[in-house]
C-alpha atoms as a PDB file:
ATOM      1  CA  VAL A   1       2.407 -11.046  11.252  1.00  0.00           C
ATOM      2  CA  GLN A   2       2.646  -7.615  12.541  1.00  0.00           C
ATOM      3  CA  LEU A   3       2.355  -4.221  10.314  1.00  0.00           C
ATOM      4  CA  GLN A   4       3.174  -0.992  10.919  1.00  0.00           C
ATOM      5  CA  ALA A   5       2.726   1.271   7.975  1.00  0.00           C
ATOM      6  CA  SER A   6       4.511   4.948   7.756  1.00  0.00           C
ATOM      7  CA  GLY A   7       5.301   8.211   5.141  1.00  0.00           C
ATOM      8  CA  GLY A   8       1.873   9.395   5.336  1.00  0.00           C
ATOM      9  CA  GLY A   9       1.077  13.284   5.096  1.00  0.00           C
ATOM     10  CA  LEU A  10       0.374  16.270   2.973  1.00  0.00           C
ATOM     11  CA  ALA A  11       1.623  16.458  -0.278  1.00  0.00           C
ATOM     12  CA  GLN A  12       0.111  19.061  -3.021  1.00  0.00           C
ATOM     13  CA  ALA A  13      -1.283  17.805  -6.589  1.00  0.00           C
ATOM     14  CA  GLY A  14       1.418  16.563  -8.674  1.00  0.00           C
ATOM     15  CA  GLY A  15       3.606  15.575  -5.777  1.00  0.00           C
ATOM     16  CA  SER A  16       5.234  12.430  -4.658  1.00  0.00           C
ATOM     17  CA  LEU A  17       5.189  10.465  -1.213  1.00  0.00           C
ATOM     18  CA  ARG A  18       6.259   6.982  -0.775  1.00  0.00           C
ATOM     19  CA  LEU A  19       4.379   4.943   1.717  1.00  0.00           C
ATOM     20  CA  SER A  20       6.638   2.131   3.919  1.00  0.00           C
ATOM     21  CA  CYS A  21       4.943  -0.735   5.385  1.00  0.00           C
ATOM     22  CA  ALA A  22       7.247  -3.331   7.712  1.00  0.00           C
ATOM     23  CA  ALA A  23       5.960  -6.767   8.619  1.00  0.00           C
ATOM     24  CA  SER A  24       7.099  -8.294  12.236  1.00  0.00           C
ATOM     25  CA  GLY A  25       6.335 -11.357  13.336  1.00  0.00           C
ATOM     26  CA  GLY A  26       6.155 -13.650  10.666  1.00  0.00           C
ATOM     27  CA  THR A  27       8.069 -14.809   7.446  1.00  0.00           C
ATOM     28  CA  PHE A  28       7.467 -12.164   4.736  1.00  0.00           C
ATOM     29  CA  SER A  29       8.171 -13.862   2.674  1.00  0.00           C
ATOM     30  CA  ASN A  30       5.225 -16.143   3.068  1.00  0.00           C
ATOM     31  CA  TYR A  31       2.849 -13.333   2.347  1.00  0.00           C
ATOM     32  CA  ASP A  32       1.261 -11.412  -0.810  1.00  0.00           C
ATOM     33  CA  MET A  33       1.241  -7.583   0.213  1.00  0.00           C
ATOM     34  CA  GLY A  34      -1.136  -5.275  -0.517  1.00  0.00           C
ATOM     35  CA  TRP A  35      -2.379  -1.482  -0.130  1.00  0.00           C
ATOM     36  CA  PHE A  36      -5.408  -0.450   0.193  1.00  0.00           C
ATOM     37  CA  ARG A  37      -7.423   2.989   0.839  1.00  0.00           C
ATOM     38  CA  GLN A  38      -9.940   4.247   1.921  1.00  0.00           C
ATOM     39  CA  ALA A  39     -11.798   8.310   1.817  1.00  0.00           C
ATOM     40  CA  LEU A  40     -14.305   9.560   4.080  1.00  0.00           C
ATOM     41  CA  GLY A  41     -17.491   8.254   3.144  1.00  0.00           C
ATOM     42  CA  LYS A  42     -16.594   5.534   0.332  1.00  0.00           C
ATOM     43  CA  GLN A  43     -15.295   1.322   0.743  1.00  0.00           C
ATOM     44  CA  ARG A  44     -11.917   0.248   1.140  1.00  0.00           C
ATOM     45  CA  GLU A  45     -10.286  -0.553  -2.476  1.00  0.00           C
ATOM     46  CA  ARG A  46      -7.156  -2.400  -3.312  1.00  0.00           C
ATOM     47  CA  VAL A  47      -4.759   0.602  -4.621  1.00  0.00           C
ATOM     48  CA  ALA A  48      -2.001  -2.053  -5.641  1.00  0.00           C
ATOM     49  CA  ASP A  49      -0.833  -5.069  -4.292  1.00  0.00           C
ATOM     50  CA  ILE A  50       2.595  -7.831  -5.122  1.00  0.00           C
ATOM     51  CA  THR A  51       3.134 -11.752  -4.926  1.00  0.00           C
ATOM     52  CA  TRP A  52       5.559 -12.749  -2.715  1.00  0.00           C
ATOM     53  CA  THR A  53       8.295 -13.022  -5.422  1.00  0.00           C
ATOM     54  CA  GLY A  54       7.913  -9.171  -6.745  1.00  0.00           C
ATOM     55  CA  SER A  55       6.966 -11.084 -10.250  1.00  0.00           C
ATOM     56  CA  THR A  56       3.529 -10.056 -10.449  1.00  0.00           C
ATOM     57  CA  THR A  57       1.769  -6.743 -10.000  1.00  0.00           C
ATOM     58  CA  TYR A  58      -1.563  -5.470  -9.854  1.00  0.00           C
ATOM     59  CA  TYR A  59      -2.421  -1.896  -9.794  1.00  0.00           C
ATOM     60  CA  LEU A  60      -5.998   0.246  -9.888  1.00  0.00           C
ATOM     61  CA  GLY A  61      -7.052   1.477 -12.769  1.00  0.00           C
ATOM     62  CA  ALA A  62      -7.516   5.364 -11.312  1.00  0.00           C
ATOM     63  CA  VAL A  63      -3.080   4.886 -10.023  1.00  0.00           C
ATOM     64  CA  LYS A  64      -1.976   2.756 -12.771  1.00  0.00           C
ATOM     65  CA  GLY A  65       1.451   4.279 -14.108  1.00  0.00           C
ATOM     66  CA  ARG A  66       1.291   7.139 -11.144  1.00  0.00           C
ATOM     67  CA  PHE A  67       1.879   4.431  -8.464  1.00  0.00           C
ATOM     68  CA  THR A  68       4.971   2.099  -7.526  1.00  0.00           C
ATOM     69  CA  ILE A  69       4.636  -1.161  -5.160  1.00  0.00           C
ATOM     70  CA  THR A  70       7.581  -2.867  -5.193  1.00  0.00           C
ATOM     71  CA  ARG A  71       8.960  -4.925  -1.890  1.00  0.00           C
ATOM     72  CA  ASP A  72      12.092  -5.977  -0.452  1.00  0.00           C
ATOM     73  CA  ASN A  73      11.977  -9.334   1.701  1.00  0.00           C
ATOM     74  CA  ALA A  74      15.658  -8.964   3.200  1.00  0.00           C
ATOM     75  CA  LYS A  75      13.857  -5.699   4.814  1.00  0.00           C
ATOM     76  CA  ASN A  76      10.646  -7.592   5.449  1.00  0.00           C
ATOM     77  CA  THR A  77       9.387  -4.050   4.088  1.00  0.00           C
ATOM     78  CA  VAL A  78       6.716  -3.409   1.210  1.00  0.00           C
ATOM     79  CA  TYR A  79       6.409   0.574  -0.853  1.00  0.00           C
ATOM     80  CA  LEU A  80       4.160   2.193  -2.355  1.00  0.00           C
ATOM     81  CA  GLN A  81       5.609   4.818  -4.312  1.00  0.00           C
ATOM     82  CA  MET A  82       3.337   7.322  -5.204  1.00  0.00           C
ATOM     83  CA  ASN A  83       3.859  10.569  -7.592  1.00  0.00           C
ATOM     84  CA  SER A  84       1.602  12.549  -9.732  1.00  0.00           C
ATOM     85  CA  LEU A  85      -0.804  12.636  -6.876  1.00  0.00           C
ATOM     86  CA  LYS A  86      -3.812  13.967  -7.326  1.00  0.00           C
ATOM     87  CA  PRO A  87      -6.616  15.456  -4.494  1.00  0.00           C
ATOM     88  CA  GLU A  88      -8.723  11.637  -4.856  1.00  0.00           C
ATOM     89  CA  ASP A  89      -5.713  10.098  -4.018  1.00  0.00           C
ATOM     90  CA  THR A  90      -6.830  11.739  -0.837  1.00  0.00           C
ATOM     91  CA  ALA A  91      -7.741   9.208   1.460  1.00  0.00           C
ATOM     92  CA  VAL A  92      -6.340   6.360   4.870  1.00  0.00           C
ATOM     93  CA  TYR A  93      -4.080   4.308   3.033  1.00  0.00           C
ATOM     94  CA  TYR A  94      -3.710   0.882   4.830  1.00  0.00           C
ATOM     95  CA  CYS A  95      -0.911  -2.280   3.923  1.00  0.00           C
ATOM     96  CA  GLY A  96      -2.423  -5.734   3.725  1.00  0.00           C
ATOM     97  CA  ALA A  97      -0.819  -9.243   3.921  1.00  0.00           C
ATOM     98  CA  ARG A  98      -2.294 -12.688   2.743  1.00  0.00           C
ATOM     99  CA  ARG A  99      -0.777 -15.577   3.321  1.00  0.00           C
ATOM    100  CA  LEU A 100      -0.456 -17.413   0.232  1.00  0.00           C
ATOM    101  CA  ALA A 101      -2.936 -19.913  -0.876  1.00  0.00           C
ATOM    102  CA  ASP A 102      -5.516 -17.522   1.201  1.00  0.00           C
ATOM    103  CA  PRO A 103      -8.026 -15.841  -0.958  1.00  0.00           C
ATOM    104  CA  PHE A 104      -8.233 -12.425   1.354  1.00  0.00           C
ATOM    105  CA  TYR A 105      -6.151 -10.199   3.397  1.00  0.00           C
ATOM    106  CA  ASN A 106      -6.856 -10.800   6.916  1.00  0.00           C
ATOM    107  CA  TYR A 107      -3.624  -9.257   8.391  1.00  0.00           C
ATOM    108  CA  TRP A 108      -3.861  -4.773   8.266  1.00  0.00           C
ATOM    109  CA  GLY A 109      -1.776  -2.057   9.216  1.00  0.00           C
ATOM    110  CA  GLN A 110      -2.685   0.483  11.374  1.00  0.00           C
ATOM    111  CA  GLY A 111      -3.103   3.200   8.142  1.00  0.00           C
ATOM    112  CA  THR A 112      -1.832   6.175   7.237  1.00  0.00           C
ATOM    113  CA  GLN A 113      -3.428   9.112   6.442  1.00  0.00           C
ATOM    114  CA  VAL A 114      -2.331  10.811   2.750  1.00  0.00           C
ATOM    115  CA  THR A 115      -4.046  13.993   2.057  1.00  0.00           C
ATOM    116  CA  VAL A 116      -3.033  15.548  -1.505  1.00  0.00           C
ATOM    117  CA  SER A 117      -4.297  19.405  -1.361  1.00  0.00           C
ATOM    118  CA  SER A 118      -5.370  21.489  -4.932  1.00  0.00           C
END
């Protein structure tokens, strides 16, 4: 499956952005989907993920209550709504796909830069 992320940009602290990740080349509902981020000089971290049905989600503690992950299997797209942004949310955000029953994410989009100014 190929993933194309979009929607990053510059936002002020307290603002909002919505990231999108469009999938192609596979059966979207065969994959759990996730959003990850990597800030400069730091390791990549899992921000949120969602099961193939959309029934179960996970959030990194630092974003819980501010970010929401959703998916639209009819549009082969996963979204990350980011509200109340903070400067520490600045990072390159990547979407990932994990085939059902696989333990690891092994399909990645190209990354989209999110910069939050104070």
